[in-house]
Structure formats: structure tokens, C-alpha cells
Amino acid sequence: MPRVVSAGRRLDLVRHTIIACERCTRLRQHCQAVAVEKRRAYRNDTYWARPVPGFGDPGARLLIVGLAPAAHGGNRTGRVFTGDGDGGSGDFLMAALHGAGFANMPTSRHPADGLRLLGAYIAAAVRCAPPGNKPTIEEIANCRPHLEAEFAALPRVQVIVALGRIAFDACVRLCTPPSPQRQDEVAERHRPRFAHGQATRLAGGRTLIASYHPSRQNTNTGRLTARMLNDVFRQARRLLDNRPTS
């Protein structure tokens, strides 16, 4: 009789694979250099400085995909969208998740802060902090199997929120079945386009919602407001509430 592996156990296996990854020399060197140089506010901290796996509920019906760990956030704490300062992207995101019932608290400061995601899981397109927050095409491709493995270990996911264009493109690829080469041009014409708040039905009946990334660059300039992000996760909640659980 075949052995049944639980979603939590599968995610643990994926987590270990991600943490041990050494595929991108430039990213690994950058993360380790940041951990040595540190930021003054964190000079007494021991940085994680390894690839950062996703975290959340193994039974998640909502998957959130960001760009990459922040150099002094996830790369320091070992948890995505965590520890990037008061009012950073982690707090901005968690406030929206908390408001929509996907998190038990509205902040994300450190891995032992008591934060729990409720029916949600957060991952990233790239697992190491890239210089200037700009991973190369090759680095994004190298990380793709990690996102695919986490996605495969989350069989209940029905709605995906992509934070930023790189995450959006990664999610489209994640949910688009391979097509014969002669159909590539047709597939490209029908490829979803990134637009904040736009929801697209993908193969398998899942829905992808695009959002601007909650980076300080976007939130400090008003390109992404708290209300805009709240609306994205309220939309995700409505979609899930109107679908049967599996």
C-alpha cells in the first residue's frame, strides 16, 4: 500500500531543499555579505543569510507570492515579509491579511512573534535577497522549481495573489500547462496581463489576482495604498467564500 505523505510533511521536505540551495553564486555571496556588514539597527543580530522558504497554513486555499526576501528583512529573520521595520512591506501586507481574516495579527516582526496565517501561505519567486531587489532572468529560472514544489505541496489552493510583476509572471507560468511549440504564439496572445486588482481565471479553475508589491517604494509614493491592498485580499476572501471547500 503506497505511503501517504501529509501536506505538512511535504512542505517540510521542500523547506529543507530550499534552505540548502546553492544554485545562484551571485545571490548567495550577496546574502552572506549583507549578513557580515549588517545594518546598524541590527548589528547584534545573527542573520539567517540562507535561501528563505515560504511559510503558512499547509491547508491553505490562498497562496501569496512575493518577489524575494529583503536584505535586512527575510534574509535576516529567515521568514519572508518579516522584520523589515515598522511600516515595512511585512507589516503593510500583514495588516491587509489580518483585515481579511487570513492572519491572526497585523504585524510581522520576527519568527517567534506569534504570527499565524489562516488558510493562507506566503512564498516568493526568488528565495535569496537580490542586489538592488533585481534578480536576473537566470536567477528567477533557477528558483522556479522551489515555487513549483511548494505549489505541488498545497493541493487546496484556489486563489493566488501575485505581488508585483515578477511574481505575477512566475504565477502565470506556474499555472499554465505546457503547450506544443506550434501553440506558443497563440498562448502568448492570451497570456494574462498585469494590472493591479485584476483577477484572471487560470487552468484548473484557480484565480490569479494581480497586485502591486507592498515595497516602501510603492507604499511611500502612494502607488499602493492600504485601501488598495485591502481590496485585493477582500476580493480573495469573497472568491474563496463562494467556492466549496475540498
Protein backbone atom coordinates (compact mmCIF):
# COMPACT_ATOMS: atom_id res chain seq x y z
CA MET A 1 0.00 0.00 0.00
CA PRO A 2 1.58 3.37 -1.03
CA ARG A 3 2.64 5.66 1.79
CA VAL A 4 0.57 8.86 2.07
CA VAL A 5 2.65 11.95 2.82
CA SER A 6 0.81 14.82 4.54
CA ALA A 7 0.89 18.36 3.14
CA GLY A 8 2.84 19.48 6.20
CA ARG A 9 5.47 16.79 5.71
CA ARG A 10 5.77 17.58 2.01
CA LEU A 11 6.29 21.26 2.83
CA ASP A 12 8.98 20.31 5.36
CA LEU A 13 10.85 18.40 2.66
CA VAL A 14 10.56 21.34 0.26
CA ARG A 15 11.72 23.70 3.01
CA HIS A 16 14.92 21.72 3.57
CA THR A 17 15.64 21.67 -0.16
CA ILE A 18 15.19 25.44 -0.44
CA ILE A 19 17.42 26.20 2.56
CA ALA A 20 20.22 24.05 1.13
CA CYS A 21 20.06 25.62 -2.36
CA GLU A 22 23.34 26.95 -3.81
CA ARG A 23 22.28 27.45 -7.44
CA CYS A 24 22.98 31.18 -7.71
CA THR A 25 26.51 32.20 -6.75
CA ARG A 26 25.84 35.94 -7.01
CA LEU A 27 22.81 35.77 -4.70
CA ARG A 28 24.49 33.55 -2.13
CA GLN A 29 27.51 35.84 -1.98
CA HIS A 30 25.30 38.91 -1.63
CA CYS A 31 23.21 37.43 1.20
CA GLN A 32 26.33 36.40 3.12
CA ALA A 33 27.99 39.79 2.60
CA VAL A 34 24.89 41.58 3.93
CA ALA A 35 24.97 39.30 6.98
CA VAL A 36 28.55 40.36 7.70
CA GLU A 37 28.13 44.08 7.03
CA LYS A 38 24.69 44.27 8.68
CA ARG A 39 22.62 47.38 9.24
CA ARG A 40 23.37 49.49 12.32
CA ALA A 41 19.95 48.77 13.85
CA TYR A 42 20.61 45.02 13.63
CA ARG A 43 24.33 44.94 14.42
CA ASN A 44 23.77 42.48 17.31
CA ASP A 45 21.58 40.13 15.26
CA THR A 46 22.72 36.89 13.69
CA TYR A 47 21.45 36.96 10.13
CA TRP A 48 19.77 33.94 8.56
CA ALA A 49 21.65 34.56 5.27
CA ARG A 50 20.32 31.42 3.56
CA PRO A 51 17.57 30.87 0.98
CA VAL A 52 14.18 31.58 2.57
CA PRO A 53 11.31 29.09 2.24
CA GLY A 54 7.66 30.04 2.31
CA PHE A 55 5.51 29.74 5.44
CA GLY A 56 1.89 29.42 6.42
CA ASP A 57 -1.01 27.01 6.62
CA PRO A 58 -0.43 23.58 4.97
CA GLY A 59 -4.17 23.53 4.21
CA ALA A 60 -4.06 26.96 2.55
CA ARG A 61 -6.63 27.86 -0.07
CA LEU A 62 -4.89 31.20 -0.70
CA LEU A 63 -1.30 31.40 -1.99
CA ILE A 64 0.52 34.75 -1.88
CA VAL A 65 3.68 35.11 -3.96
CA GLY A 66 6.14 37.97 -3.50
CA LEU A 67 9.39 38.89 -5.21
CA ALA A 68 12.21 37.93 -2.83
CA PRO A 69 13.35 38.29 0.80
CA ALA A 70 14.50 41.75 1.83
CA ALA A 71 18.23 42.03 2.57
CA HIS A 72 17.63 43.11 6.19
CA GLY A 73 14.16 41.53 6.46
CA GLY A 74 13.72 37.91 5.39
CA ASN A 75 17.45 37.49 4.81
CA ARG A 76 17.94 38.47 8.47
CA THR A 77 15.00 36.70 10.09
CA GLY A 78 14.59 33.64 7.86
CA ARG A 79 10.90 34.33 7.21
CA VAL A 80 9.56 36.16 4.16
CA PHE A 81 7.92 39.56 4.74
CA THR A 82 9.27 39.61 8.28
CA GLY A 83 11.46 42.06 10.17
CA ASP A 84 11.84 44.85 7.62
CA GLY A 85 10.98 47.55 10.15
CA ASP A 86 7.92 49.34 11.44
CA GLY A 87 5.71 50.12 8.46
CA GLY A 88 7.76 47.91 6.14
CA SER A 89 6.34 45.62 3.48
CA GLY A 90 5.75 42.83 6.00
CA ASP A 91 3.57 44.95 8.28
CA PHE A 92 1.81 46.51 5.30
CA LEU A 93 0.97 43.07 3.90
CA MET A 94 0.04 41.52 7.23
CA ALA A 95 -2.36 44.36 8.08
CA ALA A 96 -4.28 43.57 4.89
CA LEU A 97 -4.21 39.82 5.55
CA HIS A 98 -5.39 40.35 9.13
CA GLY A 99 -8.23 42.57 7.96
CA ALA A 100 -9.45 39.87 5.57
CA GLY A 101 -9.13 37.08 8.15
CA PHE A 102 -6.00 35.45 6.71
CA ALA A 103 -3.68 36.27 9.66
CA ASN A 104 -4.13 36.33 13.42
CA MET A 105 -2.22 39.62 13.86
CA PRO A 106 -1.45 42.71 11.75
CA THR A 107 2.35 42.79 12.07
CA SER A 108 5.31 40.59 11.09
CA ARG A 109 8.42 41.41 13.14
CA HIS A 110 10.28 38.16 13.88
CA PRO A 111 9.71 34.38 13.53
CA ALA A 112 8.75 33.99 17.21
CA ASP A 113 6.21 36.83 17.23
CA GLY A 114 3.18 34.52 17.32
CA LEU A 115 2.04 35.28 13.76
CA ARG A 116 -0.11 32.56 12.19
CA LEU A 117 -1.53 32.56 8.70
CA LEU A 118 -5.10 31.26 8.49
CA GLY A 119 -5.89 29.40 5.28
CA ALA A 120 -3.01 31.19 3.54
CA TYR A 121 0.60 30.52 2.58
CA ILE A 122 3.26 33.05 1.55
CA ALA A 123 6.06 32.19 -0.90
CA ALA A 124 8.36 34.09 -3.25
CA ALA A 125 9.54 33.95 -6.84
CA VAL A 126 13.17 34.22 -5.67
CA ARG A 127 14.45 32.85 -2.36
CA CYS A 128 17.61 34.91 -1.81
CA ALA A 129 17.79 38.68 -1.40
CA PRO A 130 19.00 40.06 -4.77
CA PRO A 131 21.21 43.15 -5.04
CA GLY A 132 19.00 46.17 -5.64
CA ASN A 133 15.93 43.89 -5.47
CA LYS A 134 16.66 42.96 -9.09
CA PRO A 135 17.19 39.25 -9.75
CA THR A 136 18.37 38.20 -13.19
CA ILE A 137 16.28 36.13 -15.57
CA GLU A 138 18.57 33.17 -14.88
CA GLU A 139 18.18 33.54 -11.11
CA ILE A 140 14.40 33.65 -11.40
CA ALA A 141 14.53 30.48 -13.53
CA ASN A 142 16.82 28.77 -11.00
CA CYS A 143 14.29 29.42 -8.23
CA ARG A 144 11.26 28.29 -10.23
CA PRO A 145 11.43 24.63 -9.06
CA HIS A 146 11.15 25.77 -5.44
CA LEU A 147 7.88 27.60 -6.09
CA GLU A 148 6.61 24.67 -8.15
CA ALA A 149 7.44 22.25 -5.31
CA GLU A 150 5.63 24.37 -2.70
CA PHE A 151 2.65 24.76 -5.00
CA ALA A 152 2.50 20.98 -5.52
CA ALA A 153 2.51 20.52 -1.74
CA LEU A 154 -0.50 22.86 -1.36
CA PRO A 155 -3.27 20.95 -3.16
CA ARG A 156 -6.14 23.03 -1.77
CA VAL A 157 -5.02 26.37 -3.24
CA GLN A 158 -7.81 28.02 -5.24
CA VAL A 159 -6.79 31.69 -5.28
CA ILE A 160 -3.32 33.14 -5.85
CA VAL A 161 -2.31 36.76 -5.18
CA ALA A 162 0.83 37.85 -7.01
CA LEU A 163 2.65 40.84 -5.51
CA GLY A 164 4.42 42.60 -8.36
CA ARG A 165 5.10 41.79 -11.98
CA ILE A 166 7.90 39.26 -11.44
CA ALA A 167 5.72 37.28 -9.03
CA PHE A 168 2.80 37.61 -11.44
CA ASP A 169 4.81 36.17 -14.34
CA ALA A 170 6.02 33.34 -12.09
CA CYS A 171 2.43 32.51 -11.10
CA VAL A 172 1.18 32.55 -14.69
CA ARG A 173 3.92 30.12 -15.64
CA LEU A 174 3.18 28.03 -12.55
CA CYS A 175 -0.47 27.57 -13.50
CA THR A 176 -0.15 27.35 -17.29
CA PRO A 177 0.17 23.81 -18.64
CA PRO A 178 2.90 23.32 -21.26
CA SER A 179 1.66 23.57 -24.83
CA PRO A 180 3.02 22.22 -28.12
CA GLN A 181 5.54 24.61 -29.63
CA ARG A 182 3.24 25.48 -32.52
CA GLN A 183 0.71 26.81 -29.99
CA ASP A 184 3.19 29.06 -28.15
CA GLU A 185 2.26 32.14 -30.19
CA VAL A 186 -1.44 31.62 -29.52
CA ALA A 187 -0.76 31.06 -25.81
CA GLU A 188 1.26 34.28 -25.62
CA ARG A 189 -1.59 36.30 -27.16
CA HIS A 190 -3.95 35.01 -24.46
CA ARG A 191 -1.43 35.41 -21.64
CA PRO A 192 -2.89 37.42 -18.70
CA ARG A 193 -1.62 40.99 -18.44
CA PHE A 194 -0.53 42.52 -15.17
CA ALA A 195 -2.94 45.15 -13.80
CA HIS A 196 -3.45 45.87 -10.12
CA GLY A 197 -6.64 44.29 -8.79
CA GLN A 198 -7.35 42.32 -11.95
CA ALA A 199 -8.49 38.74 -11.43
CA THR A 200 -7.88 36.09 -14.08
CA ARG A 201 -9.26 32.55 -14.16
CA LEU A 202 -6.46 30.10 -14.87
CA ALA A 203 -6.21 26.46 -15.83
CA GLY A 204 -7.57 24.13 -13.18
CA GLY A 205 -10.19 26.66 -12.10
CA ARG A 206 -7.84 28.72 -9.93
CA THR A 207 -7.99 32.52 -9.88
CA LEU A 208 -4.93 34.77 -10.06
CA ILE A 209 -5.20 38.30 -8.66
CA ALA A 210 -2.50 40.84 -9.52
CA SER A 211 -1.32 43.44 -7.03
CA TYR A 212 1.44 45.99 -6.80
CA HIS A 213 4.16 44.84 -4.44
CA PRO A 214 3.96 46.40 -0.95
CA SER A 215 7.53 47.73 -1.13
CA ARG A 216 8.30 51.05 0.54
CA GLN A 217 8.91 52.46 -2.93
CA ASN A 218 5.26 51.77 -3.78
CA THR A 219 3.65 52.48 -0.41
CA ASN A 220 5.59 55.68 0.35
CA THR A 221 4.71 57.16 -3.04
CA GLY A 222 1.02 56.21 -2.88
CA ARG A 223 1.21 53.89 -5.85
CA LEU A 224 -0.11 51.23 -3.49
CA THR A 225 -2.29 52.36 -0.60
CA ALA A 226 -3.56 50.33 2.34
CA ARG A 227 -7.05 50.53 0.89
CA MET A 228 -5.89 49.17 -2.47
CA LEU A 229 -4.20 46.18 -0.85
CA ASN A 230 -7.14 45.62 1.50
CA ASP A 231 -9.41 45.46 -1.54
CA VAL A 232 -7.21 42.77 -3.12
CA PHE A 233 -7.50 40.46 -0.13
CA ARG A 234 -11.17 41.18 0.39
CA GLN A 235 -11.64 40.13 -3.21
CA ALA A 236 -9.68 36.93 -2.49
CA ARG A 237 -11.88 36.29 0.56
CA ARG A 238 -15.08 36.72 -1.46
CA LEU A 239 -13.84 34.32 -4.13
CA LEU A 240 -12.99 31.69 -1.55
CA ASP A 241 -16.23 32.14 0.37
CA ASN A 242 -18.16 31.49 -2.84
CA ARG A 243 -16.33 28.25 -3.60
CA PRO A 244 -16.85 24.89 -1.95
CA THR A 245 -14.02 23.63 0.29
CA SER A 246 -12.26 20.46 -0.79
